[in-house]
Amino acid sequence: MEKVFNWPGLGRLLVDSVEMRDYPVIQAEILLFSLEFILINLVVDVLYAAINPAIRYK
């Protein structure tokens, strides 16, 4: 989104925060990125189990 529409977003905020040594913002960004990563992995696992019934838990 940042590159396509030239809107500053979370990536730019993280870079600016690192440059200004704004540690609370850096921690919040890392937490958000981590939660996003976990949520995406959960969704992929659930969808994969729905698509491929052979891997479902018994």
PDB file of N, CA and C in Angstrom:
ATOM      1  N   MET A   1       0.819  -1.194   0.000  1.00  0.00           N
ATOM      2  CA  MET A   1       0.000   0.000   0.000  1.00  0.00           C
ATOM      3  C   MET A   1       0.865   1.261   0.000  1.00  0.00           C
ATOM      4  N   GLU A   2       1.948   1.226   0.742  1.00  0.00           N
ATOM      5  CA  GLU A   2       2.779   2.419   0.830  1.00  0.00           C
ATOM      6  C   GLU A   2       3.387   2.769  -0.526  1.00  0.00           C
ATOM      7  N   LYS A   3       3.837   1.777  -1.244  1.00  0.00           N
ATOM      8  CA  LYS A   3       4.488   2.037  -2.533  1.00  0.00           C
ATOM      9  C   LYS A   3       3.472   2.406  -3.605  1.00  0.00           C
ATOM     10  N   VAL A   4       2.316   1.740  -3.593  1.00  0.00           N
ATOM     11  CA  VAL A   4       1.324   1.951  -4.640  1.00  0.00           C
ATOM     12  C   VAL A   4       0.693   3.339  -4.526  1.00  0.00           C
ATOM     13  N   PHE A   5       0.231   3.703  -3.328  1.00  0.00           N
ATOM     14  CA  PHE A   5      -0.494   4.956  -3.152  1.00  0.00           C
ATOM     15  C   PHE A   5       0.357   6.082  -2.567  1.00  0.00           C
ATOM     16  N   ASN A   6       1.617   5.788  -2.255  1.00  0.00           N
ATOM     17  CA  ASN A   6       2.529   6.763  -1.652  1.00  0.00           C
ATOM     18  C   ASN A   6       1.977   7.307  -0.332  1.00  0.00           C
ATOM     19  N   TRP A   7       1.344   6.422   0.444  1.00  0.00           N
ATOM     20  CA  TRP A   7       0.839   6.776   1.771  1.00  0.00           C
ATOM     21  C   TRP A   7       1.810   6.241   2.813  1.00  0.00           C
ATOM     22  N   PRO A   8       2.276   7.089   3.703  1.00  0.00           N
ATOM     23  CA  PRO A   8       3.134   6.565   4.766  1.00  0.00           C
ATOM     24  C   PRO A   8       2.327   5.656   5.686  1.00  0.00           C
ATOM     25  N   GLY A   9       2.900   4.556   6.060  1.00  0.00           N
ATOM     26  CA  GLY A   9       2.170   3.600   6.877  1.00  0.00           C
ATOM     27  C   GLY A   9       3.018   3.076   8.011  1.00  0.00           C
ATOM     28  N   LEU A  10       2.747   1.824   8.404  1.00  0.00           N
ATOM     29  CA  LEU A  10       3.434   1.230   9.543  1.00  0.00           C
ATOM     30  C   LEU A  10       4.918   1.021   9.276  1.00  0.00           C
ATOM     31  N   GLY A  11       5.278   0.706   8.065  1.00  0.00           N
ATOM     32  CA  GLY A  11       6.692   0.524   7.746  1.00  0.00           C
ATOM     33  C   GLY A  11       7.470   1.820   7.894  1.00  0.00           C
ATOM     34  N   ARG A  12       6.905   2.890   7.387  1.00  0.00           N
ATOM     35  CA  ARG A  12       7.560   4.197   7.516  1.00  0.00           C
ATOM     36  C   ARG A  12       7.615   4.631   8.978  1.00  0.00           C
ATOM     37  N   LEU A  13       6.530   4.351   9.716  1.00  0.00           N
ATOM     38  CA  LEU A  13       6.503   4.684  11.137  1.00  0.00           C
ATOM     39  C   LEU A  13       7.597   3.933  11.887  1.00  0.00           C
ATOM     40  N   LEU A  14       7.799   2.665  11.535  1.00  0.00           N
ATOM     41  CA  LEU A  14       8.839   1.880  12.197  1.00  0.00           C
ATOM     42  C   LEU A  14      10.229   2.447  11.890  1.00  0.00           C
ATOM     43  N   VAL A  15      10.477   2.777  10.645  1.00  0.00           N
ATOM     44  CA  VAL A  15      11.781   3.332  10.266  1.00  0.00           C
ATOM     45  C   VAL A  15      12.020   4.663  10.981  1.00  0.00           C
ATOM     46  N   ASP A  16      11.002   5.523  10.989  1.00  0.00           N
ATOM     47  CA  ASP A  16      11.147   6.811  11.673  1.00  0.00           C
ATOM     48  C   ASP A  16      11.367   6.621  13.174  1.00  0.00           C
ATOM     49  N   SER A  17      10.678   5.653  13.760  1.00  0.00           N
ATOM     50  CA  SER A  17      10.816   5.397  15.197  1.00  0.00           C
ATOM     51  C   SER A  17      12.210   4.893  15.541  1.00  0.00           C
ATOM     52  N   VAL A  18      12.774   4.055  14.689  1.00  0.00           N
ATOM     53  CA  VAL A  18      14.129   3.559  14.922  1.00  0.00           C
ATOM     54  C   VAL A  18      15.128   4.715  14.822  1.00  0.00           C
ATOM     55  N   GLU A  19      14.921   5.572  13.830  1.00  0.00           N
ATOM     56  CA  GLU A  19      15.828   6.718  13.679  1.00  0.00           C
ATOM     57  C   GLU A  19      15.748   7.661  14.873  1.00  0.00           C
ATOM     58  N   MET A  20      14.544   7.833  15.448  1.00  0.00           N
ATOM     59  CA  MET A  20      14.373   8.747  16.579  1.00  0.00           C
ATOM     60  C   MET A  20      14.513   8.047  17.930  1.00  0.00           C
ATOM     61  N   ARG A  21      14.762   6.731  17.893  1.00  0.00           N
ATOM     62  CA  ARG A  21      14.903   5.911  19.103  1.00  0.00           C
ATOM     63  C   ARG A  21      13.673   6.019  20.002  1.00  0.00           C
ATOM     64  N   ASP A  22      12.513   5.877  19.378  1.00  0.00           N
ATOM     65  CA  ASP A  22      11.238   5.925  20.094  1.00  0.00           C
ATOM     66  C   ASP A  22      10.855   4.480  20.442  1.00  0.00           C
ATOM     67  N   TYR A  23      11.359   4.000  21.570  1.00  0.00           N
ATOM     68  CA  TYR A  23      11.249   2.593  21.927  1.00  0.00           C
ATOM     69  C   TYR A  23       9.815   2.096  22.147  1.00  0.00           C
ATOM     70  N   PRO A  24       8.924   2.851  22.768  1.00  0.00           N
ATOM     71  CA  PRO A  24       7.552   2.358  22.907  1.00  0.00           C
ATOM     72  C   PRO A  24       6.869   2.108  21.560  1.00  0.00           C
ATOM     73  N   VAL A  25       7.107   2.981  20.594  1.00  0.00           N
ATOM     74  CA  VAL A  25       6.511   2.792  19.267  1.00  0.00           C
ATOM     75  C   VAL A  25       7.131   1.577  18.582  1.00  0.00           C
ATOM     76  N   ILE A  26       8.437   1.390  18.735  1.00  0.00           N
ATOM     77  CA  ILE A  26       9.105   0.220  18.155  1.00  0.00           C
ATOM     78  C   ILE A  26       8.533  -1.059  18.752  1.00  0.00           C
ATOM     79  N   GLN A  27       8.343  -1.084  20.070  1.00  0.00           N
ATOM     80  CA  GLN A  27       7.771  -2.264  20.723  1.00  0.00           C
ATOM     81  C   GLN A  27       6.352  -2.536  20.231  1.00  0.00           C
ATOM     82  N   ALA A  28       5.556  -1.483  20.089  1.00  0.00           N
ATOM     83  CA  ALA A  28       4.182  -1.654  19.615  1.00  0.00           C
ATOM     84  C   ALA A  28       4.155  -2.190  18.186  1.00  0.00           C
ATOM     85  N   GLU A  29       5.033  -1.672  17.340  1.00  0.00           N
ATOM     86  CA  GLU A  29       5.093  -2.145  15.951  1.00  0.00           C
ATOM     87  C   GLU A  29       5.504  -3.611  15.883  1.00  0.00           C
ATOM     88  N   ILE A  30       6.499  -3.986  16.662  1.00  0.00           N
ATOM     89  CA  ILE A  30       6.938  -5.380  16.667  1.00  0.00           C
ATOM     90  C   ILE A  30       5.815  -6.286  17.166  1.00  0.00           C
ATOM     91  N   LEU A  31       5.098  -5.838  18.187  1.00  0.00           N
ATOM     92  CA  LEU A  31       3.960  -6.602  18.685  1.00  0.00           C
ATOM     93  C   LEU A  31       2.884  -6.748  17.616  1.00  0.00           C
ATOM     94  N   LEU A  32       2.559  -5.672  16.920  1.00  0.00           N
ATOM     95  CA  LEU A  32       1.546  -5.735  15.858  1.00  0.00           C
ATOM     96  C   LEU A  32       1.977  -6.652  14.723  1.00  0.00           C
ATOM     97  N   PHE A  33       3.236  -6.544  14.293  1.00  0.00           N
ATOM     98  CA  PHE A  33       3.723  -7.402  13.220  1.00  0.00           C
ATOM     99  C   PHE A  33       3.728  -8.872  13.645  1.00  0.00           C
ATOM    100  N   SER A  34       4.067  -9.132  14.903  1.00  0.00           N
ATOM    101  CA  SER A  34       4.069 -10.504  15.409  1.00  0.00           C
ATOM    102  C   SER A  34       2.655 -11.072  15.458  1.00  0.00           C
ATOM    103  N   LEU A  35       1.719 -10.280  15.952  1.00  0.00           N
ATOM    104  CA  LEU A  35       0.323 -10.741  15.994  1.00  0.00           C
ATOM    105  C   LEU A  35      -0.233 -10.968  14.593  1.00  0.00           C
ATOM    106  N   GLU A  36       0.133 -10.100  13.662  1.00  0.00           N
ATOM    107  CA  GLU A  36      -0.299 -10.272  12.280  1.00  0.00           C
ATOM    108  C   GLU A  36       0.264 -11.574  11.695  1.00  0.00           C
ATOM    109  N   PHE A  37       1.524 -11.849  11.963  1.00  0.00           N
ATOM    110  CA  PHE A  37       2.162 -13.065  11.478  1.00  0.00           C
ATOM    111  C   PHE A  37       1.473 -14.308  12.042  1.00  0.00           C
ATOM    112  N   ILE A  38       1.187 -14.291  13.349  1.00  0.00           N
ATOM    113  CA  ILE A  38       0.522 -15.425  13.992  1.00  0.00           C
ATOM    114  C   ILE A  38      -0.881 -15.612  13.426  1.00  0.00           C
ATOM    115  N   LEU A  39      -1.618 -14.521  13.245  1.00  0.00           N
ATOM    116  CA  LEU A  39      -2.982 -14.606  12.720  1.00  0.00           C
ATOM    117  C   LEU A  39      -2.997 -15.146  11.295  1.00  0.00           C
ATOM    118  N   ILE A  40      -2.075 -14.687  10.473  1.00  0.00           N
ATOM    119  CA  ILE A  40      -2.010 -15.177   9.090  1.00  0.00           C
ATOM    120  C   ILE A  40      -1.672 -16.665   9.071  1.00  0.00           C
ATOM    121  N   ASN A  41      -0.743 -17.106   9.909  1.00  0.00           N
ATOM    122  CA  ASN A  41      -0.410 -18.529   9.968  1.00  0.00           C
ATOM    123  C   ASN A  41      -1.597 -19.359  10.434  1.00  0.00           C
ATOM    124  N   LEU A  42      -2.351 -18.861  11.399  1.00  0.00           N
ATOM    125  CA  LEU A  42      -3.539 -19.568  11.867  1.00  0.00           C
ATOM    126  C   LEU A  42      -4.577 -19.706  10.759  1.00  0.00           C
ATOM    127  N   VAL A  43      -4.819 -18.630  10.037  1.00  0.00           N
ATOM    128  CA  VAL A  43      -5.790 -18.669   8.942  1.00  0.00           C
ATOM    129  C   VAL A  43      -5.346 -19.640   7.862  1.00  0.00           C
ATOM    130  N   VAL A  44      -4.078 -19.627   7.520  1.00  0.00           N
ATOM    131  CA  VAL A  44      -3.565 -20.546   6.498  1.00  0.00           C
ATOM    132  C   VAL A  44      -3.711 -21.991   6.952  1.00  0.00           C
ATOM    133  N   ASP A  45      -3.400 -22.283   8.204  1.00  0.00           N
ATOM    134  CA  ASP A  45      -3.538 -23.648   8.720  1.00  0.00           C
ATOM    135  C   ASP A  45      -4.985 -24.116   8.694  1.00  0.00           C
ATOM    136  N   VAL A  46      -5.906 -23.256   9.096  1.00  0.00           N
ATOM    137  CA  VAL A  46      -7.324 -23.624   9.095  1.00  0.00           C
ATOM    138  C   VAL A  46      -7.821 -23.843   7.671  1.00  0.00           C
ATOM    139  N   LEU A  47      -7.447 -22.959   6.760  1.00  0.00           N
ATOM    140  CA  LEU A  47      -7.864 -23.128   5.367  1.00  0.00           C
ATOM    141  C   LEU A  47      -7.266 -24.388   4.756  1.00  0.00           C
ATOM    142  N   TYR A  48      -6.013 -24.680   5.077  1.00  0.00           N
ATOM    143  CA  TYR A  48      -5.379 -25.878   4.547  1.00  0.00           C
ATOM    144  C   TYR A  48      -6.083 -27.133   5.056  1.00  0.00           C
ATOM    145  N   ALA A  49      -6.490 -27.117   6.317  1.00  0.00           N
ATOM    146  CA  ALA A  49      -7.220 -28.264   6.868  1.00  0.00           C
ATOM    147  C   ALA A  49      -8.587 -28.393   6.210  1.00  0.00           C
ATOM    148  N   ALA A  50      -9.205 -27.276   5.863  1.00  0.00           N
ATOM    149  CA  ALA A  50     -10.507 -27.331   5.194  1.00  0.00           C
ATOM    150  C   ALA A  50     -10.369 -27.833   3.763  1.00  0.00           C
ATOM    151  N   ILE A  51      -9.287 -27.491   3.111  1.00  0.00           N
ATOM    152  CA  ILE A  51      -9.078 -27.892   1.720  1.00  0.00           C
ATOM    153  C   ILE A  51      -8.618 -29.338   1.624  1.00  0.00           C
ATOM    154  N   ASN A  52      -7.747 -29.759   2.531  1.00  0.00           N
ATOM    155  CA  ASN A  52      -7.174 -31.097   2.487  1.00  0.00           C
ATOM    156  C   ASN A  52      -7.621 -31.878   3.726  1.00  0.00           C
ATOM    157  N   PRO A  53      -8.697 -32.661   3.613  1.00  0.00           N
ATOM    158  CA  PRO A  53      -9.219 -33.375   4.783  1.00  0.00           C
ATOM    159  C   PRO A  53      -8.273 -34.449   5.332  1.00  0.00           C
ATOM    160  N   ALA A  54      -7.262 -34.833   4.603  1.00  0.00           N
ATOM    161  CA  ALA A  54      -6.357 -35.886   5.059  1.00  0.00           C
ATOM    162  C   ALA A  54      -5.502 -35.428   6.241  1.00  0.00           C
ATOM    163  N   ILE A  55      -5.355 -34.137   6.454  1.00  0.00           N
ATOM    164  CA  ILE A  55      -4.499 -33.673   7.540  1.00  0.00           C
ATOM    165  C   ILE A  55      -5.280 -33.256   8.782  1.00  0.00           C
ATOM    166  N   ARG A  56      -6.565 -33.423   8.789  1.00  0.00           N
ATOM    167  CA  ARG A  56      -7.376 -33.028   9.946  1.00  0.00           C
ATOM    168  C   ARG A  56      -7.025 -33.868  11.164  1.00  0.00           C
ATOM    169  N   TYR A  57      -7.182 -33.254  12.329  1.00  0.00           N
ATOM    170  CA  TYR A  57      -6.928 -33.957  13.580  1.00  0.00           C
ATOM    171  C   TYR A  57      -8.049 -34.943  13.848  1.00  0.00           C
ATOM    172  N   LYS A  58      -7.698 -36.062  14.489  1.00  0.00           N
ATOM    173  CA  LYS A  58      -8.714 -37.088  14.789  1.00  0.00           C
ATOM    174  C   LYS A  58      -9.026 -37.121  16.250  1.00  0.00           C
TER     175      LYS A  58
END
